[in-house]
Every structure is written in C-alpha cells, then in structure tokens.
PDB file of N, CA and C in Angstrom:
ATOM      1  N   UNK A   1     -27.049-119.719  -2.702  1.00  0.00           N
ATOM      2  CA  UNK A   1     -27.784-120.934  -2.502  1.00  0.00           C
ATOM      3  C   UNK A   1     -27.663-121.763  -3.784  1.00  0.00           C
ATOM      4  N   UNK A   2     -27.396-123.022  -3.609  1.00  0.00           N
ATOM      5  CA  UNK A   2     -27.257-123.947  -4.732  1.00  0.00           C
ATOM      6  C   UNK A   2     -28.160-125.143  -4.488  1.00  0.00           C
ATOM      7  N   UNK A   3     -29.066-125.401  -5.424  1.00  0.00           N
ATOM      8  CA  UNK A   3     -29.971-126.543  -5.323  1.00  0.00           C
ATOM      9  C   UNK A   3     -29.516-127.608  -6.302  1.00  0.00           C
ATOM     10  N   UNK A   4     -29.449-128.848  -5.849  1.00  0.00           N
ATOM     11  CA  UNK A   4     -29.040-129.951  -6.698  1.00  0.00           C
ATOM     12  C   UNK A   4     -30.275-130.651  -7.235  1.00  0.00           C
ATOM     13  N   UNK A   5     -30.335-130.788  -8.574  1.00  0.00           N
ATOM     14  CA  UNK A   5     -31.469-131.438  -9.221  1.00  0.00           C
ATOM     15  C   UNK A   5     -31.024-131.967 -10.572  1.00  0.00           C
ATOM     16  N   UNK A   6     -31.535-133.127 -10.961  1.00  0.00           N
ATOM     17  CA  UNK A   6     -31.208-133.682 -12.268  1.00  0.00           C
ATOM     18  C   UNK A   6     -32.114-133.113 -13.354  1.00  0.00           C
ATOM     19  N   UNK A   7     -33.206-132.491 -12.964  1.00  0.00           N
ATOM     20  CA  UNK A   7     -34.138-131.912 -13.921  1.00  0.00           C
ATOM     21  C   UNK A   7     -33.653-130.534 -14.345  1.00  0.00           C
ATOM     22  N   UNK A   8     -34.132-130.060 -15.506  1.00  0.00           N
ATOM     23  CA  UNK A   8     -33.723-128.751 -16.002  1.00  0.00           C
ATOM     24  C   UNK A   8     -34.231-127.629 -15.106  1.00  0.00           C
ATOM     25  N   UNK A   9     -35.443-127.768 -14.644  1.00  0.00           N
ATOM     26  CA  UNK A   9     -36.008-126.764 -13.756  1.00  0.00           C
ATOM     27  C   UNK A   9     -36.408-127.422 -12.447  1.00  0.00           C
ATOM     28  N   UNK A  10     -36.385-126.647 -11.413  1.00  0.00           N
ATOM     29  CA  UNK A  10     -36.786-127.146 -10.099  1.00  0.00           C
ATOM     30  C   UNK A  10     -38.311-127.112 -10.037  1.00  0.00           C
ATOM     31  N   UNK A  11     -38.923-128.233  -9.666  1.00  0.00           N
ATOM     32  CA  UNK A  11     -40.388-128.326  -9.735  1.00  0.00           C
ATOM     33  C   UNK A  11     -41.131-127.490  -8.689  1.00  0.00           C
ATOM     34  N   UNK A  12     -40.424-126.816  -7.822  1.00  0.00           N
ATOM     35  CA  UNK A  12     -41.086-126.013  -6.812  1.00  0.00           C
ATOM     36  C   UNK A  12     -40.333-124.696  -6.663  1.00  0.00           C
ATOM     37  N   UNK A  13     -41.031-123.705  -6.125  1.00  0.00           N
ATOM     38  CA  UNK A  13     -40.452-122.378  -5.954  1.00  0.00           C
ATOM     39  C   UNK A  13     -39.747-122.287  -4.600  1.00  0.00           C
ATOM     40  N   UNK A  14     -38.495-121.875  -4.611  1.00  0.00           N
ATOM     41  CA  UNK A  14     -37.726-121.750  -3.381  1.00  0.00           C
ATOM     42  C   UNK A  14     -37.389-120.281  -3.169  1.00  0.00           C
ATOM     43  N   UNK A  15     -37.778-119.771  -2.030  1.00  0.00           N
ATOM     44  CA  UNK A  15     -37.440-118.394  -1.677  1.00  0.00           C
ATOM     45  C   UNK A  15     -36.920-118.387  -0.247  1.00  0.00           C
ATOM     46  N   UNK A  16     -35.669-118.013  -0.110  1.00  0.00           N
ATOM     47  CA  UNK A  16     -35.074-117.907   1.213  1.00  0.00           C
ATOM     48  C   UNK A  16     -34.706-116.442   1.425  1.00  0.00           C
ATOM     49  N   UNK A  17     -35.108-115.934   2.560  1.00  0.00           N
ATOM     50  CA  UNK A  17     -34.839-114.554   2.893  1.00  0.00           C
ATOM     51  C   UNK A  17     -33.848-114.505   4.044  1.00  0.00           C
ATOM     52  N   UNK A  18     -32.826-113.700   3.910  1.00  0.00           N
ATOM     53  CA  UNK A  18     -31.825-113.500   4.951  1.00  0.00           C
ATOM     54  C   UNK A  18     -31.865-112.023   5.312  1.00  0.00           C
ATOM     55  N   UNK A  19     -32.482-111.717   6.429  1.00  0.00           N
ATOM     56  CA  UNK A  19     -32.727-110.324   6.775  1.00  0.00           C
ATOM     57  C   UNK A  19     -33.783-109.771   5.833  1.00  0.00           C
ATOM     58  N   UNK A  20     -33.433-108.721   5.098  1.00  0.00           N
ATOM     59  CA  UNK A  20     -34.346-108.147   4.113  1.00  0.00           C
ATOM     60  C   UNK A  20     -34.000-108.571   2.690  1.00  0.00           C
ATOM     61  N   UNK A  21     -32.928-109.324   2.531  1.00  0.00           N
ATOM     62  CA  UNK A  21     -32.460-109.737   1.205  1.00  0.00           C
ATOM     63  C   UNK A  21     -32.959-111.137   0.855  1.00  0.00           C
ATOM     64  N   UNK A  22     -33.376-111.318  -0.392  1.00  0.00           N
ATOM     65  CA  UNK A  22     -33.742-112.646  -0.888  1.00  0.00           C
ATOM     66  C   UNK A  22     -32.481-113.289  -1.448  1.00  0.00           C
ATOM     67  N   UNK A  23     -32.177-114.508  -1.006  1.00  0.00           N
ATOM     68  CA  UNK A  23     -30.996-115.225  -1.459  1.00  0.00           C
ATOM     69  C   UNK A  23     -31.276-115.779  -2.848  1.00  0.00           C
ATOM     70  N   UNK A  24     -30.395-115.463  -3.802  1.00  0.00           N
ATOM     71  CA  UNK A  24     -30.584-115.910  -5.182  1.00  0.00           C
ATOM     72  C   UNK A  24     -30.101-117.348  -5.340  1.00  0.00           C
ATOM     73  N   UNK A  25     -30.765-118.079  -6.216  1.00  0.00           N
ATOM     74  CA  UNK A  25     -30.377-119.452  -6.530  1.00  0.00           C
ATOM     75  C   UNK A  25     -29.276-119.382  -7.584  1.00  0.00           C
ATOM     76  N   UNK A  26     -28.170-120.060  -7.317  1.00  0.00           N
ATOM     77  CA  UNK A  26     -27.029-120.075  -8.228  1.00  0.00           C
ATOM     78  C   UNK A  26     -26.975-121.403  -8.971  1.00  0.00           C
ATOM     79  N   UNK A  27     -26.351-121.403 -10.145  1.00  0.00           N
ATOM     80  CA  UNK A  27     -26.211-122.643 -10.900  1.00  0.00           C
ATOM     81  C   UNK A  27     -24.928-123.381 -10.537  1.00  0.00           C
ATOM     82  N   UNK A  28     -23.962-122.667  -9.949  1.00  0.00           N
ATOM     83  CA  UNK A  28     -22.718-123.318  -9.535  1.00  0.00           C
ATOM     84  C   UNK A  28     -22.095-122.565  -8.370  1.00  0.00           C
ATOM     85  N   UNK A  29     -21.224-123.267  -7.664  1.00  0.00           N
ATOM     86  CA  UNK A  29     -20.544-122.689  -6.523  1.00  0.00           C
ATOM     87  C   UNK A  29     -19.201-123.372  -6.351  1.00  0.00           C
ATOM     88  N   UNK A  30     -18.211-122.615  -5.914  1.00  0.00           N
ATOM     89  CA  UNK A  30     -16.886-123.174  -5.704  1.00  0.00           C
ATOM     90  C   UNK A  30     -16.689-123.412  -4.208  1.00  0.00           C
ATOM     91  N   UNK A  31     -16.391-124.656  -3.860  1.00  0.00           N
ATOM     92  CA  UNK A  31     -16.181-125.037  -2.470  1.00  0.00           C
ATOM     93  C   UNK A  31     -14.802-125.683  -2.378  1.00  0.00           C
ATOM     94  N   UNK A  32     -13.927-125.128  -1.577  1.00  0.00           N
ATOM     95  CA  UNK A  32     -12.532-125.554  -1.410  1.00  0.00           C
ATOM     96  C   UNK A  32     -11.867-125.924  -2.738  1.00  0.00           C
ATOM     97  N   UNK A  33     -12.073-125.106  -3.757  1.00  0.00           N
ATOM     98  CA  UNK A  33     -11.413-125.291  -5.038  1.00  0.00           C
ATOM     99  C   UNK A  33     -12.108-126.220  -6.007  1.00  0.00           C
ATOM    100  N   UNK A  34     -13.209-126.835  -5.611  1.00  0.00           N
ATOM    101  CA  UNK A  34     -13.953-127.729  -6.498  1.00  0.00           C
ATOM    102  C   UNK A  34     -15.261-127.029  -6.867  1.00  0.00           C
ATOM    103  N   UNK A  35     -15.507-126.881  -8.174  1.00  0.00           N
ATOM    104  CA  UNK A  35     -16.716-126.215  -8.636  1.00  0.00           C
ATOM    105  C   UNK A  35     -17.861-127.215  -8.688  1.00  0.00           C
ATOM    106  N   UNK A  36     -18.874-126.952  -7.895  1.00  0.00           N
ATOM    107  CA  UNK A  36     -20.079-127.781  -7.877  1.00  0.00           C
ATOM    108  C   UNK A  36     -21.138-127.089  -8.715  1.00  0.00           C
ATOM    109  N   UNK A  37     -21.823-127.836  -9.583  1.00  0.00           N
ATOM    110  CA  UNK A  37     -22.952-127.266 -10.288  1.00  0.00           C
ATOM    111  C   UNK A  37     -24.219-127.995  -9.871  1.00  0.00           C
ATOM    112  N   UNK A  38     -25.343-127.446 -10.261  1.00  0.00           N
ATOM    113  CA  UNK A  38     -26.619-127.953  -9.751  1.00  0.00           C
ATOM    114  C   UNK A  38     -26.925-129.381 -10.189  1.00  0.00           C
ATOM    115  N   UNK A  39     -26.284-129.864 -11.267  1.00  0.00           N
ATOM    116  CA  UNK A  39     -26.539-131.228 -11.727  1.00  0.00           C
ATOM    117  C   UNK A  39     -25.387-132.182 -11.407  1.00  0.00           C
ATOM    118  N   UNK A  40     -24.358-131.678 -10.778  1.00  0.00           N
ATOM    119  CA  UNK A  40     -23.164-132.457 -10.437  1.00  0.00           C
ATOM    120  C   UNK A  40     -22.601-133.221 -11.637  1.00  0.00           C
ATOM    121  N   UNK A  41     -22.528-132.545 -12.788  1.00  0.00           N
ATOM    122  CA  UNK A  41     -21.944-133.194 -13.956  1.00  0.00           C
ATOM    123  C   UNK A  41     -20.464-132.830 -14.140  1.00  0.00           C
ATOM    124  N   UNK A  42     -19.936-131.949 -13.324  1.00  0.00           N
ATOM    125  CA  UNK A  42     -18.519-131.588 -13.230  1.00  0.00           C
ATOM    126  C   UNK A  42     -17.964-130.909 -14.460  1.00  0.00           C
ATOM    127  N   UNK A  43     -18.803-130.533 -15.409  1.00  0.00           N
ATOM    128  CA  UNK A  43     -18.325-129.894 -16.632  1.00  0.00           C
ATOM    129  C   UNK A  43     -17.597-128.583 -16.330  1.00  0.00           C
ATOM    130  N   UNK A  44     -18.199-127.756 -15.522  1.00  0.00           N
ATOM    131  CA  UNK A  44     -17.606-126.454 -15.209  1.00  0.00           C
ATOM    132  C   UNK A  44     -16.289-126.607 -14.448  1.00  0.00           C
ATOM    133  N   UNK A  45     -16.213-127.575 -13.548  1.00  0.00           N
ATOM    134  CA  UNK A  45     -14.971-127.808 -12.796  1.00  0.00           C
ATOM    135  C   UNK A  45     -13.838-128.224 -13.736  1.00  0.00           C
ATOM    136  N   UNK A  46     -14.119-129.162 -14.640  1.00  0.00           N
ATOM    137  CA  UNK A  46     -13.097-129.623 -15.586  1.00  0.00           C
ATOM    138  C   UNK A  46     -12.658-128.475 -16.479  1.00  0.00           C
ATOM    139  N   UNK A  47     -13.599-127.680 -16.973  1.00  0.00           N
ATOM    140  CA  UNK A  47     -13.263-126.526 -17.809  1.00  0.00           C
ATOM    141  C   UNK A  47     -12.358-125.550 -17.056  1.00  0.00           C
ATOM    142  N   UNK A  48     -12.688-125.272 -15.798  1.00  0.00           N
ATOM    143  CA  UNK A  48     -11.879-124.354 -14.997  1.00  0.00           C
ATOM    144  C   UNK A  48     -10.455-124.883 -14.812  1.00  0.00           C
ATOM    145  N   UNK A  49     -10.331-126.157 -14.488  1.00  0.00           N
ATOM    146  CA  UNK A  49      -9.007-126.741 -14.248  1.00  0.00           C
ATOM    147  C   UNK A  49      -8.179-126.806 -15.530  1.00  0.00           C
ATOM    148  N   UNK A  50      -8.793-127.167 -16.642  1.00  0.00           N
ATOM    149  CA  UNK A  50      -8.069-127.222 -17.917  1.00  0.00           C
ATOM    150  C   UNK A  50      -7.609-125.827 -18.322  1.00  0.00           C
ATOM    151  N   UNK A  51      -8.460-124.829 -18.153  1.00  0.00           N
ATOM    152  CA  UNK A  51      -8.082-123.445 -18.462  1.00  0.00           C
ATOM    153  C   UNK A  51      -6.926-122.995 -17.575  1.00  0.00           C
ATOM    154  N   UNK A  52      -6.999-123.326 -16.293  1.00  0.00           N
ATOM    155  CA  UNK A  52      -5.935-122.970 -15.355  1.00  0.00           C
ATOM    156  C   UNK A  52      -4.616-123.624 -15.767  1.00  0.00           C
ATOM    157  N   UNK A  53      -4.660-124.893 -16.190  1.00  0.00           N
ATOM    158  CA  UNK A  53      -3.451-125.608 -16.608  1.00  0.00           C
ATOM    159  C   UNK A  53      -2.876-125.035 -17.895  1.00  0.00           C
ATOM    160  N   UNK A  54      -3.736-124.667 -18.836  1.00  0.00           N
ATOM    161  CA  UNK A  54      -3.249-124.058 -20.076  1.00  0.00           C
ATOM    162  C   UNK A  54      -2.528-122.751 -19.788  1.00  0.00           C
ATOM    163  N   UNK A  55      -3.092-121.955 -18.897  1.00  0.00           N
ATOM    164  CA  UNK A  55      -2.459-120.690 -18.506  1.00  0.00           C
ATOM    165  C   UNK A  55      -1.121-120.948 -17.823  1.00  0.00           C
ATOM    166  N   UNK A  56      -1.070-121.954 -16.968  1.00  0.00           N
ATOM    167  CA  UNK A  56       0.156-122.318 -16.255  1.00  0.00           C
ATOM    168  C   UNK A  56       1.228-122.802 -17.231  1.00  0.00           C
ATOM    169  N   UNK A  57       0.846-123.634 -18.203  1.00  0.00           N
ATOM    170  CA  UNK A  57       1.797-124.114 -19.210  1.00  0.00           C
ATOM    171  C   UNK A  57       2.344-122.943 -20.022  1.00  0.00           C
ATOM    172  N   UNK A  58       1.482-122.008 -20.386  1.00  0.00           N
ATOM    173  CA  UNK A  58       1.923-120.837 -21.126  1.00  0.00           C
ATOM    174  C   UNK A  58       2.966-120.051 -20.336  1.00  0.00           C
ATOM    175  N   UNK A  59       2.703-119.821 -19.048  1.00  0.00           N
ATOM    176  CA  UNK A  59       3.656-119.082 -18.215  1.00  0.00           C
ATOM    177  C   UNK A  59       4.957-119.857 -18.023  1.00  0.00           C
ATOM    178  N   UNK A  60       4.855-121.168 -17.866  1.00  0.00           N
ATOM    179  CA  UNK A  60       6.062-121.986 -17.739  1.00  0.00           C
ATOM    180  C   UNK A  60       6.894-121.935 -19.011  1.00  0.00           C
ATOM    181  N   UNK A  61       6.234-121.959 -20.161  1.00  0.00           N
ATOM    182  CA  UNK A  61       6.962-121.869 -21.426  1.00  0.00           C
ATOM    183  C   UNK A  61       7.699-120.542 -21.538  1.00  0.00           C
ATOM    184  N   UNK A  62       7.068-119.482 -21.074  1.00  0.00           N
ATOM    185  CA  UNK A  62       7.717-118.177 -21.117  1.00  0.00           C
ATOM    186  C   UNK A  62       8.892-118.110 -20.160  1.00  0.00           C
ATOM    187  N   UNK A  63       8.735-118.696 -18.970  1.00  0.00           N
ATOM    188  CA  UNK A  63       9.794-118.629 -17.950  1.00  0.00           C
ATOM    189  C   UNK A  63      10.949-119.586 -18.235  1.00  0.00           C
ATOM    190  N   UNK A  64      10.635-120.786 -18.625  1.00  0.00           N
ATOM    191  CA  UNK A  64      11.656-121.835 -18.764  1.00  0.00           C
ATOM    192  C   UNK A  64      12.198-121.954 -20.168  1.00  0.00           C
ATOM    193  N   UNK A  65      11.590-121.264 -21.106  1.00  0.00           N
ATOM    194  CA  UNK A  65      12.017-121.358 -22.501  1.00  0.00           C
ATOM    195  C   UNK A  65      12.105-122.815 -22.935  1.00  0.00           C
ATOM    196  N   UNK A  66      10.956-123.489 -22.885  1.00  0.00           N
ATOM    197  CA  UNK A  66      10.911-124.914 -23.208  1.00  0.00           C
ATOM    198  C   UNK A  66      11.384-125.204 -24.632  1.00  0.00           C
ATOM    199  N   UNK A  67      11.374-124.168 -25.491  1.00  0.00           N
ATOM    200  CA  UNK A  67      11.841-124.358 -26.863  1.00  0.00           C
ATOM    201  C   UNK A  67      13.350-124.592 -26.909  1.00  0.00           C
ATOM    202  N   UNK A  68      14.058-124.190 -25.887  1.00  0.00           N
ATOM    203  CA  UNK A  68      15.512-124.289 -25.888  1.00  0.00           C
ATOM    204  C   UNK A  68      15.978-125.697 -25.553  1.00  0.00           C
ATOM    205  N   UNK A  69      15.089-126.581 -25.309  1.00  0.00           N
ATOM    206  CA  UNK A  69      15.441-127.978 -25.142  1.00  0.00           C
ATOM    207  C   UNK A  69      15.798-128.396 -23.733  1.00  0.00           C
ATOM    208  N   UNK A  70      14.859-128.283 -22.827  1.00  0.00           N
ATOM    209  CA  UNK A  70      15.083-128.821 -21.494  1.00  0.00           C
ATOM    210  C   UNK A  70      15.113-130.342 -21.587  1.00  0.00           C
ATOM    211  N   UNK A  71      15.862-130.939 -20.721  1.00  0.00           N
ATOM    212  CA  UNK A  71      15.954-132.394 -20.735  1.00  0.00           C
ATOM    213  C   UNK A  71      14.632-133.006 -20.288  1.00  0.00           C
ATOM    214  N   UNK A  72      14.415-134.237 -20.720  1.00  0.00           N
ATOM    215  CA  UNK A  72      13.147-134.916 -20.466  1.00  0.00           C
ATOM    216  C   UNK A  72      12.843-135.042 -18.981  1.00  0.00           C
ATOM    217  N   UNK A  73      13.829-135.373 -18.168  1.00  0.00           N
ATOM    218  CA  UNK A  73      13.563-135.552 -16.735  1.00  0.00           C
ATOM    219  C   UNK A  73      13.152-134.235 -16.078  1.00  0.00           C
ATOM    220  N   UNK A  74      13.630-133.117 -16.599  1.00  0.00           N
ATOM    221  CA  UNK A  74      13.220-131.808 -16.066  1.00  0.00           C
ATOM    222  C   UNK A  74      11.770-131.532 -16.445  1.00  0.00           C
ATOM    223  N   UNK A  75      11.403-131.848 -17.687  1.00  0.00           N
ATOM    224  CA  UNK A  75      10.014-131.648 -18.121  1.00  0.00           C
ATOM    225  C   UNK A  75       9.051-132.527 -17.325  1.00  0.00           C
ATOM    226  N   UNK A  76       9.470-133.749 -17.030  1.00  0.00           N
ATOM    227  CA  UNK A  76       8.630-134.656 -16.229  1.00  0.00           C
ATOM    228  C   UNK A  76       8.435-134.082 -14.833  1.00  0.00           C
ATOM    229  N   UNK A  77       9.501-133.543 -14.234  1.00  0.00           N
ATOM    230  CA  UNK A  77       9.369-132.945 -12.893  1.00  0.00           C
ATOM    231  C   UNK A  77       8.458-131.718 -12.914  1.00  0.00           C
ATOM    232  N   UNK A  78       8.562-130.917 -13.962  1.00  0.00           N
ATOM    233  CA  UNK A  78       7.673-129.752 -14.085  1.00  0.00           C
ATOM    234  C   UNK A  78       6.231-130.223 -14.197  1.00  0.00           C
ATOM    235  N   UNK A  79       5.996-131.246 -15.032  1.00  0.00           N
ATOM    236  CA  UNK A  79       4.638-131.771 -15.204  1.00  0.00           C
ATOM    237  C   UNK A  79       4.093-132.316 -13.892  1.00  0.00           C
ATOM    238  N   UNK A  80       4.888-133.155 -13.217  1.00  0.00           N
ATOM    239  CA  UNK A  80       4.421-133.785 -11.975  1.00  0.00           C
ATOM    240  C   UNK A  80       4.266-132.781 -10.840  1.00  0.00           C
ATOM    241  N   UNK A  81       5.053-131.730 -10.840  1.00  0.00           N
ATOM    242  CA  UNK A  81       5.012-130.772  -9.745  1.00  0.00           C
ATOM    243  C   UNK A  81       4.053-129.621  -9.948  1.00  0.00           C
ATOM    244  N   UNK A  82       3.805-129.246 -11.198  1.00  0.00           N
ATOM    245  CA  UNK A  82       2.995-128.045 -11.466  1.00  0.00           C
ATOM    246  C   UNK A  82       1.641-128.347 -12.118  1.00  0.00           C
ATOM    247  N   UNK A  83       1.659-129.116 -13.171  1.00  0.00           N
ATOM    248  CA  UNK A  83       0.447-129.290 -13.972  1.00  0.00           C
ATOM    249  C   UNK A  83      -0.475-130.360 -13.396  1.00  0.00           C
ATOM    250  N   UNK A  84       0.066-131.521 -13.132  1.00  0.00           N
ATOM    251  CA  UNK A  84      -0.761-132.644 -12.681  1.00  0.00           C
ATOM    252  C   UNK A  84      -1.543-132.358 -11.396  1.00  0.00           C
ATOM    253  N   UNK A  85      -0.939-131.744 -10.373  1.00  0.00           N
ATOM    254  CA  UNK A  85      -1.726-131.455  -9.159  1.00  0.00           C
ATOM    255  C   UNK A  85      -2.898-130.514  -9.412  1.00  0.00           C
ATOM    256  N   UNK A  86      -2.711-129.533 -10.287  1.00  0.00           N
ATOM    257  CA  UNK A  86      -3.798-128.598 -10.597  1.00  0.00           C
ATOM    258  C   UNK A  86      -4.898-129.314 -11.366  1.00  0.00           C
ATOM    259  N   UNK A  87      -4.505-130.090 -12.361  1.00  0.00           N
ATOM    260  CA  UNK A  87      -5.471-130.765 -13.219  1.00  0.00           C
ATOM    261  C   UNK A  87      -6.287-131.806 -12.457  1.00  0.00           C
ATOM    262  N   UNK A  88      -5.654-132.524 -11.556  1.00  0.00           N
ATOM    263  CA  UNK A  88      -6.323-133.620 -10.862  1.00  0.00           C
ATOM    264  C   UNK A  88      -6.865-133.241  -9.488  1.00  0.00           C
ATOM    265  N   UNK A  89      -6.898-131.955  -9.174  1.00  0.00           N
ATOM    266  CA  UNK A  89      -7.379-131.527  -7.865  1.00  0.00           C
ATOM    267  C   UNK A  89      -8.838-131.959  -7.670  1.00  0.00           C
ATOM    268  N   UNK A  90      -9.105-132.630  -6.595  1.00  0.00           N
ATOM    269  CA  UNK A  90     -10.459-133.070  -6.266  1.00  0.00           C
ATOM    270  C   UNK A  90     -10.914-134.281  -7.056  1.00  0.00           C
ATOM    271  N   UNK A  91      -9.994-135.000  -7.685  1.00  0.00           N
ATOM    272  CA  UNK A  91     -10.392-136.117  -8.559  1.00  0.00           C
ATOM    273  C   UNK A  91     -11.087-137.241  -7.800  1.00  0.00           C
ATOM    274  N   UNK A  92     -10.898-137.312  -6.507  1.00  0.00           N
ATOM    275  CA  UNK A  92     -11.587-138.335  -5.720  1.00  0.00           C
ATOM    276  C   UNK A  92     -13.100-138.145  -5.835  1.00  0.00           C
ATOM    277  N   UNK A  93     -13.527-136.920  -5.986  1.00  0.00           N
ATOM    278  CA  UNK A  93     -14.953-136.609  -6.071  1.00  0.00           C
ATOM    279  C   UNK A  93     -15.487-136.833  -7.488  1.00  0.00           C
ATOM    280  N   UNK A  94     -14.743-136.394  -8.515  1.00  0.00           N
ATOM    281  CA  UNK A  94     -15.276-136.416  -9.880  1.00  0.00           C
ATOM    282  C   UNK A  94     -14.718-137.527 -10.770  1.00  0.00           C
ATOM    283  N   UNK A  95     -14.018-138.506 -10.198  1.00  0.00           N
ATOM    284  CA  UNK A  95     -13.391-139.553 -10.994  1.00  0.00           C
ATOM    285  C   UNK A  95     -14.405-140.373 -11.798  1.00  0.00           C
ATOM    286  N   UNK A  96     -15.643-140.449 -11.362  1.00  0.00           N
ATOM    287  CA  UNK A  96     -16.650-141.263 -12.059  1.00  0.00           C
ATOM    288  C   UNK A  96     -16.968-140.735 -13.458  1.00  0.00           C
ATOM    289  N   UNK A  97     -16.705-139.463 -13.731  1.00  0.00           N
ATOM    290  CA  UNK A  97     -17.016-138.924 -15.063  1.00  0.00           C
ATOM    291  C   UNK A  97     -16.011-139.383 -16.109  1.00  0.00           C
ATOM    292  N   UNK A  98     -14.923-140.009 -15.691  1.00  0.00           N
ATOM    293  CA  UNK A  98     -13.922-140.453 -16.654  1.00  0.00           C
ATOM    294  C   UNK A  98     -14.411-141.628 -17.502  1.00  0.00           C
ATOM    295  N   UNK A  99     -15.630-142.071 -17.260  1.00  0.00           N
ATOM    296  CA  UNK A  99     -16.246-143.076 -18.141  1.00  0.00           C
ATOM    297  C   UNK A  99     -16.626-142.437 -19.474  1.00  0.00           C
ATOM    298  N   UNK A 100     -16.771-141.135 -19.483  1.00  0.00           N
ATOM    299  CA  UNK A 100     -17.131-140.397 -20.690  1.00  0.00           C
ATOM    300  C   UNK A 100     -15.870-140.037 -21.480  1.00  0.00           C
ATOM    301  N   UNK A 101     -15.869-140.353 -22.768  1.00  0.00           N
ATOM    302  CA  UNK A 101     -14.720-140.046 -23.625  1.00  0.00           C
ATOM    303  C   UNK A 101     -14.472-138.545 -23.725  1.00  0.00           C
ATOM    304  N   UNK A 102     -15.540-137.746 -23.661  1.00  0.00           N
ATOM    305  CA  UNK A 102     -15.406-136.295 -23.762  1.00  0.00           C
ATOM    306  C   UNK A 102     -14.488-135.751 -22.666  1.00  0.00           C
ATOM    307  N   UNK A 103     -14.738-136.168 -21.436  1.00  0.00           N
ATOM    308  CA  UNK A 103     -13.938-135.666 -20.316  1.00  0.00           C
ATOM    309  C   UNK A 103     -12.518-136.211 -20.345  1.00  0.00           C
ATOM    310  N   UNK A 104     -12.352-137.438 -20.773  1.00  0.00           N
ATOM    311  CA  UNK A 104     -11.006-138.009 -20.882  1.00  0.00           C
ATOM    312  C   UNK A 104     -10.184-137.226 -21.892  1.00  0.00           C
ATOM    313  N   UNK A 105     -10.777-136.924 -23.070  1.00  0.00           N
ATOM    314  CA  UNK A 105     -10.083-136.126 -24.082  1.00  0.00           C
ATOM    315  C   UNK A 105      -9.763-134.732 -23.564  1.00  0.00           C
ATOM    316  N   UNK A 106     -10.698-134.164 -22.845  1.00  0.00           N
ATOM    317  CA  UNK A 106     -10.521-132.806 -22.313  1.00  0.00           C
ATOM    318  C   UNK A 106      -9.337-132.770 -21.350  1.00  0.00           C
ATOM    319  N   UNK A 107      -9.246-133.742 -20.477  1.00  0.00           N
ATOM    320  CA  UNK A 107      -8.168-133.774 -19.491  1.00  0.00           C
ATOM    321  C   UNK A 107      -6.830-134.098 -20.153  1.00  0.00           C
ATOM    322  N   UNK A 108      -6.854-134.987 -21.147  1.00  0.00           N
ATOM    323  CA  UNK A 108      -5.600-135.313 -21.844  1.00  0.00           C
ATOM    324  C   UNK A 108      -5.073-134.105 -22.585  1.00  0.00           C
TER     325      UNK A 108
END
C-alpha cells in the first residue's frame, strides 16, 4: 500500500487488513518500471535510472572496448539505442522536475 501525501507524516492512522494480514504502508512502489514515492518527487526513480545507466555504460565499455577508439557515429548509435531509452523511461510523467538544477545535473 502506498499513500501519497506532501506532509512528512500522514495525519491519520491507516490500517488495511487482507485476510489475517495487515498490509504495510510503503514509501515507494515500482509500477511498470516507474518508481513512485509517497511525495511524488521522483528522486528515487531518477536515482534508479541513473544507476542502471551507469551499470549499462560499464558493461558496454567492457564489451565494446570503447578505449580502442570506436567512431563517433557508432558511439552515437550506442547512446541513442541503449542509454537514452533507459534514462528517459517514463519522462512524460516526471518531466516537470527538470525545472530543478539538481535533477538536470543528475541526468546529464
């Protein structure tokens, strides 16, 4: 269960029972690859995507030996085909945070 609130704490007590189990309140949840948090500030989603891209770049460097001098057009195709789609996944939802310099620097 994920409750959305701009306040630090929820002003009321929520207890949902499913059978004999009490459903715990979570601070974030991943839905179709987009991480939603309780304040919808997208910090966790951006962190996850940037980490995923760094790992992908590392593996690409190991596989393609980028140090050996791939041509620029090949590097552009790798970027457009592998990195950019992962980094910008779900951007239609979180594009409004790009007003913040922190997130712009993080994505760059």
